[in-house]
Amino acid sequence: MESTLHDLGQLLLKAIPTVFLLLVVHFYLKRMFFGPMADVLAKRRAATEGQRESAEATRGRAAEQLASIEAQLLQAREAIYQEQEEARRGWIGDQGTQLDAARQQAHELIHQSDQLLAAEAVGAKSQLAGTADDLADQIAQTLLKRTAA
C-alpha cells in the first residue's frame, strides 16, 4: 500500500506543473478572451435593450397619437352630424313653410271659388227668376188666348 501511495505522490508531483499551466491558461483565457467577449456581449445587450426601450417609447407615442387622431376624428364626425341635423331641420322648416304657404293659397283659391260660385248662383237665380216671370206671362197669355178663342 505504501508503494501505491508513493506512486500516487510521484504522480501528483509530476501533475503540479500541468495544474499550474492549466491555471495560467485559465486566467489568461479569462482575461484575454472571455473578459472582452463578456464586455462585447454586455454592450450588445445594452444596445439591444436601449433599442427595445426606444421602440417601446415610439410605440407609446404612436398609440397616443392614434388615440388623439381618433378623438379628433370622432369630434369631426359629431360636428358633421350636427351640421347635417341642422341642415335637415332647416329643410324641414322650409318645407313646412312652403306647405303652409301652399295651404294658404289653396284656402284662398277655395274661398275665391266659393265667392265666384255664390255670385254665379245669385246671377243664375236672378236670371231664372226673370225667365220664370217671362215664362209665366207667356203661359198665362197662351192660356188666355185659348180660353178666349
N, C-alpha and C. Protein backbone atom coordinates (compact mmCIF):
# COMPACT_ATOMS: atom_id res chain seq x y z
N MET A 1 0.81 -1.15 0.00
CA MET A 1 0.00 0.00 0.00
C MET A 1 0.88 1.25 0.00
N GLU A 2 1.99 1.11 0.63
CA GLU A 2 2.90 2.22 0.70
C GLU A 2 3.45 2.54 -0.68
N SER A 3 3.68 1.56 -1.48
CA SER A 3 4.18 1.80 -2.82
C SER A 3 3.12 2.50 -3.66
N THR A 4 1.89 2.18 -3.41
CA THR A 4 0.81 2.82 -4.15
C THR A 4 0.73 4.29 -3.75
N LEU A 5 0.88 4.55 -2.49
CA LEU A 5 0.84 5.93 -2.04
C LEU A 5 2.06 6.68 -2.56
N HIS A 6 3.17 5.99 -2.60
CA HIS A 6 4.39 6.61 -3.10
C HIS A 6 4.21 6.94 -4.59
N ASP A 7 3.69 5.98 -5.33
CA ASP A 7 3.45 6.21 -6.77
C ASP A 7 2.43 7.34 -6.97
N LEU A 8 1.47 7.34 -6.12
CA LEU A 8 0.45 8.39 -6.20
C LEU A 8 1.08 9.74 -5.90
N GLY A 9 1.94 9.82 -4.94
CA GLY A 9 2.64 11.06 -4.61
C GLY A 9 3.50 11.50 -5.77
N GLN A 10 4.22 10.53 -6.41
CA GLN A 10 5.06 10.85 -7.56
C GLN A 10 4.19 11.39 -8.69
N LEU A 11 3.05 10.77 -8.86
CA LEU A 11 2.13 11.20 -9.92
C LEU A 11 1.63 12.62 -9.66
N LEU A 12 1.30 12.92 -8.42
CA LEU A 12 0.83 14.26 -8.07
C LEU A 12 1.95 15.28 -8.23
N LEU A 13 3.16 14.86 -7.93
CA LEU A 13 4.31 15.76 -8.08
C LEU A 13 4.54 16.10 -9.54
N LYS A 14 4.37 15.13 -10.39
CA LYS A 14 4.53 15.37 -11.82
C LYS A 14 3.34 16.20 -12.37
N ALA A 15 2.18 16.14 -11.71
CA ALA A 15 0.99 16.85 -12.19
C ALA A 15 0.99 18.31 -11.79
N ILE A 16 1.83 18.71 -10.83
CA ILE A 16 1.83 20.10 -10.37
C ILE A 16 2.14 21.07 -11.51
N PRO A 17 3.16 20.83 -12.35
CA PRO A 17 3.37 21.78 -13.44
C PRO A 17 2.19 21.84 -14.41
N THR A 18 1.54 20.71 -14.64
CA THR A 18 0.38 20.70 -15.54
C THR A 18 -0.76 21.50 -14.93
N VAL A 19 -1.00 21.32 -13.64
CA VAL A 19 -2.07 22.07 -12.97
C VAL A 19 -1.74 23.55 -13.00
N PHE A 20 -0.46 23.88 -12.74
CA PHE A 20 -0.04 25.28 -12.77
C PHE A 20 -0.22 25.86 -14.17
N LEU A 21 0.14 25.07 -15.19
CA LEU A 21 -0.02 25.52 -16.56
C LEU A 21 -1.50 25.70 -16.90
N LEU A 22 -2.34 24.78 -16.45
CA LEU A 22 -3.79 24.90 -16.67
C LEU A 22 -4.34 26.15 -15.99
N LEU A 23 -3.86 26.44 -14.78
CA LEU A 23 -4.32 27.65 -14.08
C LEU A 23 -3.88 28.90 -14.83
N VAL A 24 -2.64 28.89 -15.33
CA VAL A 24 -2.15 30.05 -16.08
C VAL A 24 -2.99 30.22 -17.35
N VAL A 25 -3.23 29.12 -18.09
CA VAL A 25 -4.04 29.19 -19.31
C VAL A 25 -5.46 29.66 -18.98
N HIS A 26 -6.01 29.15 -17.88
CA HIS A 26 -7.36 29.53 -17.48
C HIS A 26 -7.44 31.04 -17.24
N PHE A 27 -6.54 31.59 -16.44
CA PHE A 27 -6.58 33.02 -16.15
C PHE A 27 -6.25 33.86 -17.39
N TYR A 28 -5.34 33.34 -18.23
CA TYR A 28 -5.00 34.05 -19.47
C TYR A 28 -6.23 34.14 -20.38
N LEU A 29 -6.91 33.00 -20.59
CA LEU A 29 -8.11 32.98 -21.45
C LEU A 29 -9.22 33.83 -20.85
N LYS A 30 -9.34 33.77 -19.53
CA LYS A 30 -10.39 34.55 -18.87
C LYS A 30 -10.14 36.03 -19.09
N ARG A 31 -8.89 36.45 -18.99
CA ARG A 31 -8.56 37.87 -19.13
C ARG A 31 -8.53 38.30 -20.59
N MET A 32 -7.99 37.49 -21.48
CA MET A 32 -7.79 37.91 -22.85
C MET A 32 -8.95 37.55 -23.80
N PHE A 33 -9.71 36.52 -23.48
CA PHE A 33 -10.75 36.09 -24.41
C PHE A 33 -12.15 36.28 -23.81
N PHE A 34 -12.37 35.65 -22.67
CA PHE A 34 -13.73 35.68 -22.10
C PHE A 34 -14.11 37.04 -21.54
N GLY A 35 -13.13 37.78 -21.00
CA GLY A 35 -13.42 39.13 -20.48
C GLY A 35 -13.87 40.07 -21.58
N PRO A 36 -13.10 40.23 -22.68
CA PRO A 36 -13.57 41.11 -23.77
C PRO A 36 -14.88 40.62 -24.39
N MET A 37 -15.02 39.27 -24.47
CA MET A 37 -16.25 38.75 -25.04
C MET A 37 -17.44 39.10 -24.15
N ALA A 38 -17.27 39.03 -22.85
CA ALA A 38 -18.34 39.41 -21.92
C ALA A 38 -18.65 40.89 -22.05
N ASP A 39 -17.60 41.73 -22.23
CA ASP A 39 -17.82 43.16 -22.42
C ASP A 39 -18.60 43.43 -23.70
N VAL A 40 -18.23 42.75 -24.79
CA VAL A 40 -18.93 42.92 -26.06
C VAL A 40 -20.39 42.48 -25.92
N LEU A 41 -20.61 41.35 -25.26
CA LEU A 41 -21.98 40.87 -25.06
C LEU A 41 -22.78 41.83 -24.18
N ALA A 42 -22.13 42.40 -23.15
CA ALA A 42 -22.82 43.36 -22.30
C ALA A 42 -23.20 44.61 -23.09
N LYS A 43 -22.26 45.10 -23.92
CA LYS A 43 -22.56 46.27 -24.76
C LYS A 43 -23.68 45.96 -25.74
N ARG A 44 -23.62 44.78 -26.30
CA ARG A 44 -24.66 44.36 -27.26
C ARG A 44 -26.01 44.28 -26.56
N ARG A 45 -26.03 43.69 -25.37
CA ARG A 45 -27.27 43.58 -24.61
C ARG A 45 -27.79 44.97 -24.25
N ALA A 46 -26.88 45.88 -23.85
CA ALA A 46 -27.30 47.24 -23.51
C ALA A 46 -27.86 47.95 -24.74
N ALA A 47 -27.20 47.78 -25.88
CA ALA A 47 -27.70 48.40 -27.11
C ALA A 47 -29.06 47.82 -27.49
N THR A 48 -29.19 46.52 -27.36
CA THR A 48 -30.46 45.87 -27.69
C THR A 48 -31.57 46.36 -26.76
N GLU A 49 -31.25 46.44 -25.46
CA GLU A 49 -32.26 46.91 -24.50
C GLU A 49 -32.60 48.37 -24.78
N GLY A 50 -31.58 49.16 -25.15
CA GLY A 50 -31.83 50.55 -25.50
C GLY A 50 -32.76 50.67 -26.70
N GLN A 51 -32.52 49.83 -27.70
CA GLN A 51 -33.38 49.83 -28.89
C GLN A 51 -34.79 49.39 -28.52
N ARG A 52 -34.89 48.40 -27.64
CA ARG A 52 -36.22 47.95 -27.21
C ARG A 52 -36.95 49.07 -26.47
N GLU A 53 -36.23 49.73 -25.56
CA GLU A 53 -36.85 50.84 -24.84
C GLU A 53 -37.26 51.95 -25.79
N SER A 54 -36.41 52.24 -26.76
CA SER A 54 -36.73 53.26 -27.76
C SER A 54 -37.96 52.84 -28.57
N ALA A 55 -37.98 51.57 -28.93
CA ALA A 55 -39.13 51.07 -29.70
C ALA A 55 -40.40 51.14 -28.86
N GLU A 56 -40.31 50.80 -27.58
CA GLU A 56 -41.49 50.87 -26.70
C GLU A 56 -41.95 52.33 -26.56
N ALA A 57 -40.98 53.24 -26.42
CA ALA A 57 -41.34 54.65 -26.31
C ALA A 57 -42.00 55.14 -27.59
N THR A 58 -41.45 54.72 -28.74
CA THR A 58 -42.04 55.10 -30.03
C THR A 58 -43.44 54.50 -30.16
N ARG A 59 -43.58 53.27 -29.74
CA ARG A 59 -44.89 52.62 -29.80
C ARG A 59 -45.89 53.35 -28.90
N GLY A 60 -45.43 53.78 -27.73
CA GLY A 60 -46.31 54.53 -26.82
C GLY A 60 -46.73 55.85 -27.42
N ARG A 61 -45.77 56.57 -28.04
CA ARG A 61 -46.11 57.84 -28.69
C ARG A 61 -47.08 57.61 -29.84
N ALA A 62 -46.85 56.54 -30.58
CA ALA A 62 -47.76 56.23 -31.71
C ALA A 62 -49.16 55.93 -31.19
N ALA A 63 -49.24 55.21 -30.08
CA ALA A 63 -50.55 54.91 -29.50
C ALA A 63 -51.24 56.19 -29.04
N GLU A 64 -50.47 57.10 -28.44
CA GLU A 64 -51.05 58.38 -28.02
C GLU A 64 -51.54 59.18 -29.21
N GLN A 65 -50.72 59.22 -30.28
CA GLN A 65 -51.12 59.95 -31.48
C GLN A 65 -52.36 59.32 -32.10
N LEU A 66 -52.41 57.99 -32.11
CA LEU A 66 -53.57 57.30 -32.66
C LEU A 66 -54.82 57.65 -31.86
N ALA A 67 -54.69 57.64 -30.52
CA ALA A 67 -55.84 58.00 -29.69
C ALA A 67 -56.26 59.44 -29.95
N SER A 68 -55.27 60.33 -30.09
CA SER A 68 -55.58 61.73 -30.36
C SER A 68 -56.28 61.88 -31.71
N ILE A 69 -55.77 61.21 -32.71
CA ILE A 69 -56.38 61.29 -34.05
C ILE A 69 -57.79 60.72 -34.03
N GLU A 70 -57.97 59.60 -33.33
CA GLU A 70 -59.31 59.01 -33.26
C GLU A 70 -60.27 59.95 -32.53
N ALA A 71 -59.79 60.63 -31.50
CA ALA A 71 -60.64 61.58 -30.79
C ALA A 71 -61.01 62.74 -31.71
N GLN A 72 -60.03 63.24 -32.46
CA GLN A 72 -60.31 64.33 -33.39
C GLN A 72 -61.28 63.89 -34.48
N LEU A 73 -61.10 62.66 -34.95
CA LEU A 73 -62.00 62.12 -35.97
C LEU A 73 -63.41 62.00 -35.42
N LEU A 74 -63.53 61.56 -34.19
CA LEU A 74 -64.85 61.44 -33.56
C LEU A 74 -65.49 62.82 -33.43
N GLN A 75 -64.71 63.82 -33.02
CA GLN A 75 -65.24 65.17 -32.90
C GLN A 75 -65.67 65.71 -34.26
N ALA A 76 -64.87 65.43 -35.29
CA ALA A 76 -65.21 65.89 -36.64
C ALA A 76 -66.50 65.22 -37.11
N ARG A 77 -66.62 63.93 -36.84
CA ARG A 77 -67.85 63.23 -37.24
C ARG A 77 -69.06 63.82 -36.52
N GLU A 78 -68.91 64.07 -35.21
CA GLU A 78 -70.02 64.65 -34.45
C GLU A 78 -70.39 66.02 -35.01
N ALA A 79 -69.38 66.81 -35.37
CA ALA A 79 -69.66 68.13 -35.94
C ALA A 79 -70.40 68.00 -37.26
N ILE A 80 -69.97 67.06 -38.08
CA ILE A 80 -70.64 66.83 -39.37
C ILE A 80 -72.07 66.38 -39.15
N TYR A 81 -72.27 65.47 -38.18
CA TYR A 81 -73.63 65.00 -37.90
C TYR A 81 -74.50 66.15 -37.41
N GLN A 82 -73.94 67.03 -36.59
CA GLN A 82 -74.71 68.18 -36.10
C GLN A 82 -75.06 69.11 -37.26
N GLU A 83 -74.09 69.35 -38.14
CA GLU A 83 -74.37 70.20 -39.31
C GLU A 83 -75.45 69.58 -40.18
N GLN A 84 -75.36 68.27 -40.38
CA GLN A 84 -76.37 67.60 -41.20
C GLN A 84 -77.74 67.69 -40.53
N GLU A 85 -77.76 67.54 -39.21
CA GLU A 85 -79.03 67.61 -38.48
C GLU A 85 -79.61 69.02 -38.58
N GLU A 86 -78.76 70.04 -38.45
CA GLU A 86 -79.23 71.42 -38.58
C GLU A 86 -79.75 71.68 -40.00
N ALA A 87 -79.05 71.16 -40.99
CA ALA A 87 -79.49 71.34 -42.38
C ALA A 87 -80.84 70.64 -42.59
N ARG A 88 -80.95 69.43 -42.03
CA ARG A 88 -82.21 68.69 -42.16
C ARG A 88 -83.35 69.44 -41.49
N ARG A 89 -83.08 69.99 -40.29
CA ARG A 89 -84.11 70.78 -39.61
C ARG A 89 -84.49 72.00 -40.43
N GLY A 90 -83.48 72.64 -41.04
CA GLY A 90 -83.75 73.79 -41.89
C GLY A 90 -84.61 73.41 -43.09
N TRP A 91 -84.28 72.28 -43.70
CA TRP A 91 -85.07 71.81 -44.85
C TRP A 91 -86.50 71.49 -44.42
N ILE A 92 -86.62 70.85 -43.27
CA ILE A 92 -87.97 70.52 -42.78
C ILE A 92 -88.74 71.81 -42.50
N GLY A 93 -88.06 72.81 -41.91
CA GLY A 93 -88.71 74.10 -41.66
C GLY A 93 -89.12 74.78 -42.95
N ASP A 94 -88.21 74.78 -43.94
CA ASP A 94 -88.53 75.37 -45.24
C ASP A 94 -89.70 74.63 -45.89
N GLN A 95 -89.66 73.31 -45.79
CA GLN A 95 -90.73 72.52 -46.38
C GLN A 95 -92.05 72.82 -45.68
N GLY A 96 -92.00 72.95 -44.34
CA GLY A 96 -93.22 73.30 -43.60
C GLY A 96 -93.73 74.67 -43.99
N THR A 97 -92.82 75.63 -44.17
CA THR A 97 -93.21 76.98 -44.58
C THR A 97 -93.84 76.94 -45.97
N GLN A 98 -93.21 76.22 -46.87
CA GLN A 98 -93.77 76.11 -48.23
C GLN A 98 -95.13 75.41 -48.20
N LEU A 99 -95.24 74.40 -47.35
CA LEU A 99 -96.51 73.67 -47.24
C LEU A 99 -97.59 74.59 -46.68
N ASP A 100 -97.24 75.38 -45.66
CA ASP A 100 -98.21 76.34 -45.11
C ASP A 100 -98.63 77.36 -46.15
N ALA A 101 -97.65 77.85 -46.93
CA ALA A 101 -97.97 78.82 -47.99
C ALA A 101 -98.88 78.18 -49.03
N ALA A 102 -98.60 76.93 -49.39
CA ALA A 102 -99.45 76.24 -50.38
C ALA A 102 -100.85 76.03 -49.81
N ARG A 103 -100.95 75.70 -48.53
CA ARG A 103 -102.27 75.53 -47.91
C ARG A 103 -103.03 76.85 -47.90
N GLN A 104 -102.32 77.91 -47.54
CA GLN A 104 -102.96 79.23 -47.50
C GLN A 104 -103.45 79.62 -48.90
N GLN A 105 -102.62 79.36 -49.89
CA GLN A 105 -103.01 79.68 -51.27
C GLN A 105 -104.21 78.83 -51.69
N ALA A 106 -104.19 77.56 -51.30
CA ALA A 106 -105.32 76.69 -51.64
C ALA A 106 -106.60 77.18 -50.95
N HIS A 107 -106.48 77.60 -49.68
CA HIS A 107 -107.66 78.13 -48.97
C HIS A 107 -108.17 79.40 -49.65
N GLU A 108 -107.24 80.25 -50.08
CA GLU A 108 -107.66 81.47 -50.78
C GLU A 108 -108.37 81.14 -52.09
N LEU A 109 -107.80 80.16 -52.84
CA LEU A 109 -108.44 79.76 -54.10
C LEU A 109 -109.82 79.18 -53.84
N ILE A 110 -109.94 78.37 -52.79
CA ILE A 110 -111.25 77.79 -52.46
C ILE A 110 -112.23 78.89 -52.08
N HIS A 111 -111.75 79.85 -51.27
CA HIS A 111 -112.62 80.96 -50.87
C HIS A 111 -113.06 81.79 -52.08
N GLN A 112 -112.11 82.08 -52.98
CA GLN A 112 -112.45 82.83 -54.19
C GLN A 112 -113.43 82.04 -55.05
N SER A 113 -113.17 80.72 -55.14
CA SER A 113 -114.08 79.88 -55.95
C SER A 113 -115.46 79.85 -55.32
N ASP A 114 -115.53 79.77 -54.00
CA ASP A 114 -116.84 79.79 -53.33
C ASP A 114 -117.56 81.11 -53.59
N GLN A 115 -116.81 82.23 -53.50
CA GLN A 115 -117.42 83.55 -53.75
C GLN A 115 -117.89 83.65 -55.20
N LEU A 116 -117.06 83.16 -56.13
CA LEU A 116 -117.43 83.21 -57.54
C LEU A 116 -118.66 82.34 -57.80
N LEU A 117 -118.66 81.15 -57.18
CA LEU A 117 -119.79 80.24 -57.35
C LEU A 117 -121.06 80.84 -56.74
N ALA A 118 -120.91 81.48 -55.58
CA ALA A 118 -122.08 82.12 -54.94
C ALA A 118 -122.58 83.27 -55.82
N ALA A 119 -121.65 84.04 -56.39
CA ALA A 119 -122.06 85.14 -57.27
C ALA A 119 -122.74 84.60 -58.51
N GLU A 120 -122.18 83.53 -59.08
CA GLU A 120 -122.81 82.94 -60.26
C GLU A 120 -124.18 82.37 -59.91
N ALA A 121 -124.27 81.78 -58.69
CA ALA A 121 -125.56 81.23 -58.27
C ALA A 121 -126.59 82.35 -58.13
N VAL A 122 -126.18 83.47 -57.55
CA VAL A 122 -127.10 84.61 -57.40
C VAL A 122 -127.50 85.11 -58.79
N GLY A 123 -126.52 85.23 -59.69
CA GLY A 123 -126.84 85.68 -61.05
C GLY A 123 -127.77 84.71 -61.75
N ALA A 124 -127.48 83.40 -61.58
CA ALA A 124 -128.32 82.39 -62.22
C ALA A 124 -129.73 82.42 -61.63
N LYS A 125 -129.84 82.63 -60.31
CA LYS A 125 -131.17 82.68 -59.69
C LYS A 125 -131.95 83.89 -60.19
N SER A 126 -131.25 85.04 -60.29
CA SER A 126 -131.97 86.23 -60.76
C SER A 126 -132.36 86.06 -62.23
N GLN A 127 -131.49 85.41 -63.01
CA GLN A 127 -131.82 85.18 -64.42
C GLN A 127 -132.98 84.20 -64.51
N LEU A 128 -132.94 83.14 -63.67
CA LEU A 128 -134.04 82.18 -63.68
C LEU A 128 -135.34 82.83 -63.21
N ALA A 129 -135.23 83.71 -62.22
CA ALA A 129 -136.44 84.39 -61.73
C ALA A 129 -137.04 85.24 -62.85
N GLY A 130 -136.13 85.96 -63.55
CA GLY A 130 -136.62 86.78 -64.67
C GLY A 130 -137.21 85.91 -65.77
N THR A 131 -136.53 84.83 -66.07
CA THR A 131 -137.02 83.93 -67.11
C THR A 131 -138.31 83.26 -66.66
N ALA A 132 -138.40 82.93 -65.37
CA ALA A 132 -139.63 82.31 -64.85
C ALA A 132 -140.81 83.27 -64.98
N ASP A 133 -140.57 84.54 -64.70
CA ASP A 133 -141.66 85.51 -64.83
C ASP A 133 -142.10 85.64 -66.29
N ASP A 134 -141.12 85.68 -67.20
CA ASP A 134 -141.47 85.78 -68.62
C ASP A 134 -142.24 84.54 -69.07
N LEU A 135 -141.75 83.36 -68.61
CA LEU A 135 -142.45 82.13 -68.98
C LEU A 135 -143.87 82.09 -68.39
N ALA A 136 -143.99 82.57 -67.16
CA ALA A 136 -145.33 82.60 -66.53
C ALA A 136 -146.26 83.52 -67.32
N ASP A 137 -145.74 84.65 -67.76
CA ASP A 137 -146.55 85.57 -68.56
C ASP A 137 -146.93 84.93 -69.89
N GLN A 138 -145.98 84.26 -70.52
CA GLN A 138 -146.28 83.63 -71.80
C GLN A 138 -147.30 82.51 -71.62
N ILE A 139 -147.15 81.72 -70.54
CA ILE A 139 -148.11 80.64 -70.31
C ILE A 139 -149.50 81.24 -70.04
N ALA A 140 -149.50 82.30 -69.26
CA ALA A 140 -150.79 82.93 -68.95
C ALA A 140 -151.43 83.49 -70.21
N GLN A 141 -150.67 84.10 -71.07
CA GLN A 141 -151.22 84.66 -72.30
C GLN A 141 -151.68 83.54 -73.23
N THR A 142 -150.90 82.46 -73.25
CA THR A 142 -151.31 81.36 -74.12
C THR A 142 -152.61 80.74 -73.61
N LEU A 143 -152.71 80.60 -72.34
CA LEU A 143 -153.93 80.03 -71.77
C LEU A 143 -155.13 81.00 -71.97
N LEU A 144 -154.90 82.27 -71.83
CA LEU A 144 -155.95 83.24 -72.02
C LEU A 144 -156.40 83.29 -73.50
N LYS A 145 -155.48 83.12 -74.39
CA LYS A 145 -155.81 83.13 -75.79
C LYS A 145 -156.62 81.88 -76.14
N ARG A 146 -156.38 80.80 -75.52
CA ARG A 146 -157.12 79.58 -75.81
C ARG A 146 -158.51 79.66 -75.21
N THR A 147 -158.62 80.21 -74.09
CA THR A 147 -159.92 80.31 -73.46
C THR A 147 -160.76 81.39 -74.19
N ALA A 148 -160.18 82.37 -74.75
CA ALA A 148 -160.89 83.40 -75.44
C ALA A 148 -161.29 82.91 -76.84
N ALA A 149 -160.63 82.06 -77.38
CA ALA A 149 -160.92 81.62 -78.72
C ALA A 149 -161.96 80.58 -78.67
